[in-house]
């Protein structure tokens, strides 16, 4: 029996690397799209050797539909996971046009390429809890039916991508699933994202390599899970029969202050002695609170996150202790 073939856009990001690892374990032939740049060694930094050596990687660009068509014709996928994007919300305020093109136009280009080349292939679209903005249901949760009201260029672009996927699903009968994922982290997360920034700098302070950590809004509250749990949810969606939209979350929310308190306390330090709130790290419009209700995907697909908030942070802390012990210049 022929192995399933999967194509991952954004394969060199946090989620792409974990998803590639999962699919390889399940016997897939895995293809990935890389966007060509002038620093080739940065392209695959998040792909460990045991993963990298088993992948089929092709250069293409989400803004060049012709290149996407060529990759689709080459790899003939059974499943496509669209994870490519400028994914940093704060940076989207500095680069709104690029962010919108990379997410909205990029997704549309992929949909059109699929409609032309392989309209029957299953697609997972990476949607985001940022689409909700500050809308919260009366019980304090966000779910599939919560109105979308984004408060960032990133969130606005994700709403377009989410809706155009629903449109292609309904208009052309394409097999498209939207995963509305809440924040998910890991040691492979970029250090310009708050979780890994806090953990790395806290470890550096503990090791005497740094003295201060500057952050933005300490009251911002997020529903944080582990990326490994969330890529498994992506895969589960495409194993189901009926295309749909699913929220993936832990159902628990923690503030950035809570995050700092736990990480520093585990390292034997008082976070308030080292953490400063700096206005330059605030967003132009703040999203204050996210907490997702994932009861739909639990009930219909049997998904249940395994990692706790603390287990995730402990893993990240162990990672940075090991890494900084080898190279203190990081």
Protein backbone atom coordinates (compact mmCIF):
# COMPACT_ATOMS: atom_id res chain seq x y z
CA UNK A 1 0.00 0.00 0.00
CA UNK A 2 1.35 3.39 -1.01
CA UNK A 3 2.26 5.74 1.83
CA UNK A 4 0.24 8.91 2.16
CA UNK A 5 1.92 12.05 0.85
CA UNK A 6 1.72 15.31 2.82
CA UNK A 7 2.82 18.79 1.81
CA UNK A 8 3.58 21.35 4.54
CA UNK A 9 3.92 25.06 3.85
CA UNK A 10 5.93 26.77 6.59
CA UNK A 11 7.67 23.47 7.34
CA UNK A 12 10.66 25.26 8.85
CA UNK A 13 8.61 26.94 11.59
CA UNK A 14 7.79 25.60 15.04
CA UNK A 15 4.56 23.88 14.00
CA UNK A 16 5.91 22.70 10.66
CA UNK A 17 8.87 20.95 12.26
CA UNK A 18 6.75 19.12 14.85
CA UNK A 19 4.14 18.22 12.25
CA UNK A 20 6.80 16.85 9.90
CA UNK A 21 8.14 14.74 12.76
CA UNK A 22 4.66 13.40 13.56
CA UNK A 23 3.85 12.57 9.94
CA UNK A 24 7.17 10.80 9.40
CA UNK A 25 6.46 8.68 12.48
CA UNK A 26 3.13 7.75 10.92
CA UNK A 27 4.79 6.60 7.70
CA UNK A 28 4.02 9.59 5.48
CA UNK A 29 6.13 10.80 2.60
CA UNK A 30 6.62 14.41 3.68
CA UNK A 31 7.24 17.36 1.37
CA UNK A 32 7.86 20.91 2.49
CA UNK A 33 7.93 24.33 0.88
CA UNK A 34 10.80 26.70 1.64
CA UNK A 35 10.88 30.35 0.66
CA UNK A 36 14.26 31.08 -0.87
CA UNK A 37 16.40 33.66 0.90
CA UNK A 38 20.05 34.66 0.92
CA UNK A 39 20.93 32.91 4.22
CA UNK A 40 20.34 29.27 3.39
CA UNK A 41 21.47 27.89 6.76
CA UNK A 42 18.60 29.71 8.52
CA UNK A 43 16.03 27.93 6.39
CA UNK A 44 16.13 24.62 8.23
CA UNK A 45 17.33 25.60 11.71
CA UNK A 46 14.22 24.15 13.39
CA UNK A 47 14.45 20.85 11.50
CA UNK A 48 16.67 18.42 13.46
CA UNK A 49 18.88 16.16 11.35
CA UNK A 50 16.77 13.06 12.00
CA UNK A 51 13.83 14.91 10.41
CA UNK A 52 15.65 16.94 7.76
CA UNK A 53 17.27 13.93 6.10
CA UNK A 54 13.88 12.31 5.44
CA UNK A 55 12.14 15.34 3.92
CA UNK A 56 11.56 16.39 0.33
CA UNK A 57 12.05 20.15 0.28
CA UNK A 58 11.18 22.43 -2.63
CA UNK A 59 11.53 26.17 -3.09
CA UNK A 60 8.30 28.07 -3.73
CA UNK A 61 6.60 31.26 -2.57
CA UNK A 62 3.05 31.69 -1.27
CA UNK A 63 2.82 34.89 -3.33
CA UNK A 64 3.76 33.09 -6.56
CA UNK A 65 0.87 30.81 -7.56
CA UNK A 66 2.82 29.37 -10.46
CA UNK A 67 5.49 28.03 -8.10
CA UNK A 68 2.78 26.50 -5.90
CA UNK A 69 1.20 24.77 -8.90
CA UNK A 70 4.57 23.27 -9.83
CA UNK A 71 5.10 21.85 -6.34
CA UNK A 72 1.58 20.39 -6.25
CA UNK A 73 2.14 18.74 -9.64
CA UNK A 74 5.49 17.37 -8.46
CA UNK A 75 4.57 15.88 -5.08
CA UNK A 76 0.92 14.88 -5.74
CA UNK A 77 -0.15 15.22 -2.10
CA UNK A 78 -3.01 13.51 -0.29
CA UNK A 79 -2.97 16.16 2.45
CA UNK A 80 -1.79 19.78 2.58
CA UNK A 81 -1.08 21.69 5.78
CA UNK A 82 -0.92 25.46 5.26
CA UNK A 83 1.20 26.86 8.08
CA UNK A 84 3.13 29.55 6.17
CA UNK A 85 2.75 33.12 7.44
CA UNK A 86 4.34 36.14 9.04
CA UNK A 87 3.17 34.89 12.42
CA UNK A 88 4.24 37.54 14.96
CA UNK A 89 1.27 39.67 16.02
CA UNK A 90 3.27 42.62 17.37
CA UNK A 91 5.40 42.76 14.20
CA UNK A 92 2.22 42.81 12.09
CA UNK A 93 1.67 46.39 13.25
CA UNK A 94 5.10 47.32 11.84
CA UNK A 95 4.61 45.29 8.64
CA UNK A 96 0.85 45.23 7.96
CA UNK A 97 1.06 44.97 4.17
CA UNK A 98 3.58 42.13 4.14
CA UNK A 99 1.69 40.33 6.91
CA UNK A 100 -1.58 40.59 4.99
CA UNK A 101 -0.02 39.38 1.75
CA UNK A 102 1.76 36.45 3.41
CA UNK A 103 -1.41 35.25 5.14
CA UNK A 104 -4.41 36.37 3.07
CA UNK A 105 -3.03 36.47 -0.47
CA UNK A 106 -0.82 33.46 0.21
CA UNK A 107 -3.78 31.36 1.31
CA UNK A 108 -5.84 32.46 -1.70
CA UNK A 109 -2.98 31.56 -4.05
CA UNK A 110 -2.76 28.09 -2.50
CA UNK A 111 -6.52 27.57 -2.80
CA UNK A 112 -6.48 28.57 -6.46
CA UNK A 113 -3.47 26.35 -7.14
CA UNK A 114 -5.29 23.45 -5.49
CA UNK A 115 -8.51 24.15 -7.41
CA UNK A 116 -6.56 23.97 -10.67
CA UNK A 117 -4.18 21.08 -9.90
CA UNK A 118 -5.69 18.92 -7.14
CA UNK A 119 -9.18 20.02 -6.03
CA UNK A 120 -9.89 16.74 -4.18
CA UNK A 121 -6.90 16.97 -1.82
CA UNK A 122 -7.53 17.61 1.89
CA UNK A 123 -6.34 20.97 3.26
CA UNK A 124 -5.66 22.05 6.83
CA UNK A 125 -5.69 25.84 7.23
CA UNK A 126 -3.95 27.38 10.24
CA UNK A 127 -6.47 29.82 11.67
CA UNK A 128 -5.91 31.66 14.93
CA UNK A 129 -7.53 32.71 18.20
CA UNK A 130 -6.35 36.23 17.32
CA UNK A 131 -9.39 36.38 15.03
CA UNK A 132 -11.67 36.77 18.06
CA UNK A 133 -10.05 39.98 19.26
CA UNK A 134 -11.55 40.94 22.61
CA UNK A 135 -14.86 39.18 21.99
CA UNK A 136 -15.64 36.66 24.72
CA UNK A 137 -18.84 34.67 25.23
CA UNK A 138 -20.82 35.23 28.43
CA UNK A 139 -19.27 32.18 30.10
CA UNK A 140 -15.74 33.57 29.61
CA UNK A 141 -14.71 31.37 26.66
CA UNK A 142 -14.16 31.75 22.92
CA UNK A 143 -15.45 28.98 20.65
CA UNK A 144 -16.32 28.29 17.01
CA UNK A 145 -19.48 30.44 17.24
CA UNK A 146 -17.89 33.47 18.96
CA UNK A 147 -18.06 36.54 16.65
CA UNK A 148 -14.76 37.48 15.02
CA UNK A 149 -13.46 40.99 15.77
CA UNK A 150 -9.66 41.08 15.31
CA UNK A 151 -7.52 43.84 16.81
CA UNK A 152 -4.31 43.46 14.78
CA UNK A 153 -3.28 43.30 11.11
CA UNK A 154 -2.33 39.67 11.74
CA UNK A 155 -5.80 38.87 13.11
CA UNK A 156 -7.50 40.69 10.23
CA UNK A 157 -5.49 38.72 7.66
CA UNK A 158 -6.29 35.46 9.44
CA UNK A 159 -10.02 36.28 9.30
CA UNK A 160 -9.78 36.69 5.53
CA UNK A 161 -7.89 33.40 5.15
CA UNK A 162 -10.43 31.64 7.40
CA UNK A 163 -13.40 32.99 5.45
CA UNK A 164 -11.94 32.37 1.99
CA UNK A 165 -11.29 28.76 3.01
CA UNK A 166 -14.92 28.41 4.10
CA UNK A 167 -15.97 30.01 0.80
CA UNK A 168 -13.93 27.55 -1.32
CA UNK A 169 -15.24 24.68 0.80
CA UNK A 170 -18.83 25.71 0.16
CA UNK A 171 -18.51 26.99 -3.41
CA UNK A 172 -16.34 24.23 -4.86
CA UNK A 173 -16.88 21.34 -2.46
CA UNK A 174 -13.21 21.36 -1.48
CA UNK A 175 -12.12 19.39 1.59
CA UNK A 176 -10.87 22.17 3.86
CA UNK A 177 -10.56 22.22 7.65
CA UNK A 178 -9.90 25.40 9.67
CA UNK A 179 -8.04 24.85 12.93
CA UNK A 180 -8.64 27.84 15.21
CA UNK A 181 -5.58 27.31 17.36
CA UNK A 182 -4.92 29.20 20.57
CA UNK A 183 -1.35 30.01 21.61
CA UNK A 184 0.97 27.01 21.52
CA UNK A 185 4.64 27.00 22.42
CA UNK A 186 7.74 24.82 22.71
CA UNK A 187 11.54 25.02 22.77
CA UNK A 188 11.35 25.50 18.97
CA UNK A 189 9.34 28.71 19.34
CA UNK A 190 11.08 31.88 18.16
CA UNK A 191 12.65 33.86 20.99
CA UNK A 192 10.79 37.00 19.92
CA UNK A 193 7.60 35.30 21.17
CA UNK A 194 6.90 36.04 24.83
CA UNK A 195 7.00 32.51 26.25
CA UNK A 196 10.39 31.55 24.89
CA UNK A 197 11.70 35.07 25.45
CA UNK A 198 10.79 34.85 29.14
CA UNK A 199 12.22 31.36 29.61
CA UNK A 200 15.47 32.03 27.76
CA UNK A 201 16.16 35.33 29.54
CA UNK A 202 15.25 33.90 32.95
CA UNK A 203 17.75 31.08 32.44
CA UNK A 204 20.38 33.58 31.27
CA UNK A 205 19.79 35.68 34.41
CA UNK A 206 20.10 32.56 36.57
CA UNK A 207 23.39 31.70 34.84
CA UNK A 208 24.72 35.25 35.29
CA UNK A 209 24.55 35.98 31.56
CA UNK A 210 21.89 38.72 31.76
CA UNK A 211 20.46 41.10 34.35
CA UNK A 212 17.06 42.28 33.11
CA UNK A 213 14.05 41.24 31.04
CA UNK A 214 11.97 43.85 29.20
CA UNK A 215 8.41 42.93 28.22
CA UNK A 216 5.19 44.62 27.12
CA UNK A 217 1.74 44.15 28.65
CA UNK A 218 2.11 41.96 31.74
CA UNK A 219 -1.67 41.75 32.18
CA UNK A 220 -2.33 40.15 28.78
CA UNK A 221 -3.87 36.72 29.39
CA UNK A 222 -3.47 33.80 27.00
CA UNK A 223 -4.51 30.16 26.66
CA UNK A 224 -1.10 28.48 26.22
CA UNK A 225 -0.58 24.87 25.14
CA UNK A 226 2.25 22.80 23.68
CA UNK A 227 2.85 22.72 19.92
CA UNK A 228 3.14 18.92 19.91
CA UNK A 229 -0.46 18.60 21.09
CA UNK A 230 -1.67 21.07 18.50
CA UNK A 231 0.01 19.52 15.45
CA UNK A 232 -1.60 16.23 16.45
CA UNK A 233 -4.95 18.05 16.32
CA UNK A 234 -4.11 19.23 12.79
CA UNK A 235 -3.50 15.66 11.69
CA UNK A 236 -6.67 14.41 13.41
CA UNK A 237 -8.79 16.91 11.50
CA UNK A 238 -7.61 15.61 8.13
CA UNK A 239 -8.35 12.02 9.16
CA UNK A 240 -12.02 12.91 9.63
CA UNK A 241 -14.63 12.74 6.88
CA UNK A 242 -16.59 15.98 7.07
CA UNK A 243 -14.65 19.26 6.64
CA UNK A 244 -15.31 21.66 9.51
CA UNK A 245 -13.82 24.30 11.80
CA UNK A 246 -12.39 23.42 15.22
CA UNK A 247 -11.07 25.40 18.18
CA UNK A 248 -7.94 23.89 19.79
CA UNK A 249 -7.11 25.14 23.27
CA UNK A 250 -6.44 24.07 26.86
CA UNK A 251 -9.40 25.94 28.37
CA UNK A 252 -7.09 27.67 30.86
CA UNK A 253 -5.75 31.22 30.68
CA UNK A 254 -2.63 32.70 32.29
CA UNK A 255 -1.30 36.25 32.29
CA UNK A 256 2.21 37.16 31.21
CA UNK A 257 2.76 38.00 34.88
CA UNK A 258 1.76 34.42 35.80
CA UNK A 259 4.19 33.13 33.19
CA UNK A 260 7.07 35.18 34.61
CA UNK A 261 6.20 34.29 38.19
CA UNK A 262 6.27 30.53 37.55
CA UNK A 263 9.44 30.47 35.41
CA UNK A 264 11.48 32.64 37.78
CA UNK A 265 10.17 30.89 40.90
CA UNK A 266 11.23 27.50 39.50
CA UNK A 267 14.70 28.97 39.05
CA UNK A 268 14.77 30.26 42.64
CA UNK A 269 14.29 33.94 41.76
CA UNK A 270 11.74 36.71 42.33
CA UNK A 271 10.53 37.78 38.90
CA UNK A 272 9.64 41.31 40.04
CA UNK A 273 13.32 42.04 40.66
CA UNK A 274 14.22 41.48 37.02
CA UNK A 275 11.19 42.04 34.77
CA UNK A 276 10.36 45.52 33.46
CA UNK A 277 7.35 46.59 31.41
CA UNK A 278 8.46 48.65 28.40
CA UNK A 279 5.96 50.61 26.30
CA UNK A 280 7.80 49.80 23.07
CA UNK A 281 6.71 46.17 23.38
CA UNK A 282 3.00 47.03 23.70
CA UNK A 283 0.73 46.57 20.69
CA UNK A 284 -0.98 49.56 19.10
CA UNK A 285 -4.28 47.89 20.07
CA UNK A 286 -4.13 45.29 22.82
CA UNK A 287 -5.85 41.92 22.94
CA UNK A 288 -6.41 41.41 26.65
CA UNK A 289 -7.85 37.91 27.14
CA UNK A 290 -8.01 34.55 25.34
CA UNK A 291 -9.46 31.29 26.67
CA UNK A 292 -10.78 28.64 24.32
CA UNK A 293 -13.52 26.05 24.59
CA UNK A 294 -12.30 22.95 22.73
CA UNK A 295 -15.27 20.73 23.62
CA UNK A 296 -16.24 20.31 19.94
CA UNK A 297 -12.96 18.71 18.82
CA UNK A 298 -12.82 16.65 22.02
CA UNK A 299 -16.30 15.27 21.41
CA UNK A 300 -16.10 14.77 17.63
CA UNK A 301 -12.44 13.81 17.08
CA UNK A 302 -11.29 12.68 20.53
CA UNK A 303 -8.51 15.26 20.83
CA UNK A 304 -7.29 16.12 24.32
CA UNK A 305 -4.10 18.10 25.05
CA UNK A 306 -1.54 16.17 27.08
CA UNK A 307 0.86 18.90 28.24
CA UNK A 308 0.08 21.22 31.14
CA UNK A 309 1.18 24.85 31.19
CA UNK A 310 3.87 24.06 33.76
CA UNK A 311 5.16 20.97 31.96
CA UNK A 312 5.55 23.00 28.78
CA UNK A 313 7.54 25.72 30.56
CA UNK A 314 9.71 23.17 32.40
CA UNK A 315 10.63 21.55 29.07
CA UNK A 316 11.55 24.95 27.62
CA UNK A 317 13.64 25.80 30.68
CA UNK A 318 15.55 22.50 30.48
CA UNK A 319 16.18 23.14 26.79
CA UNK A 320 17.70 26.57 27.41
CA UNK A 321 19.86 25.38 30.30
CA UNK A 322 21.34 22.71 28.03
CA UNK A 323 21.77 25.04 25.06
CA UNK A 324 23.28 27.96 27.00
CA UNK A 325 25.65 25.63 28.84
CA UNK A 326 27.18 24.79 25.46
CA UNK A 327 27.11 28.30 24.01
CA UNK A 328 26.80 31.28 26.36
CA UNK A 329 26.74 33.79 23.47
CA UNK A 330 23.20 32.89 22.36
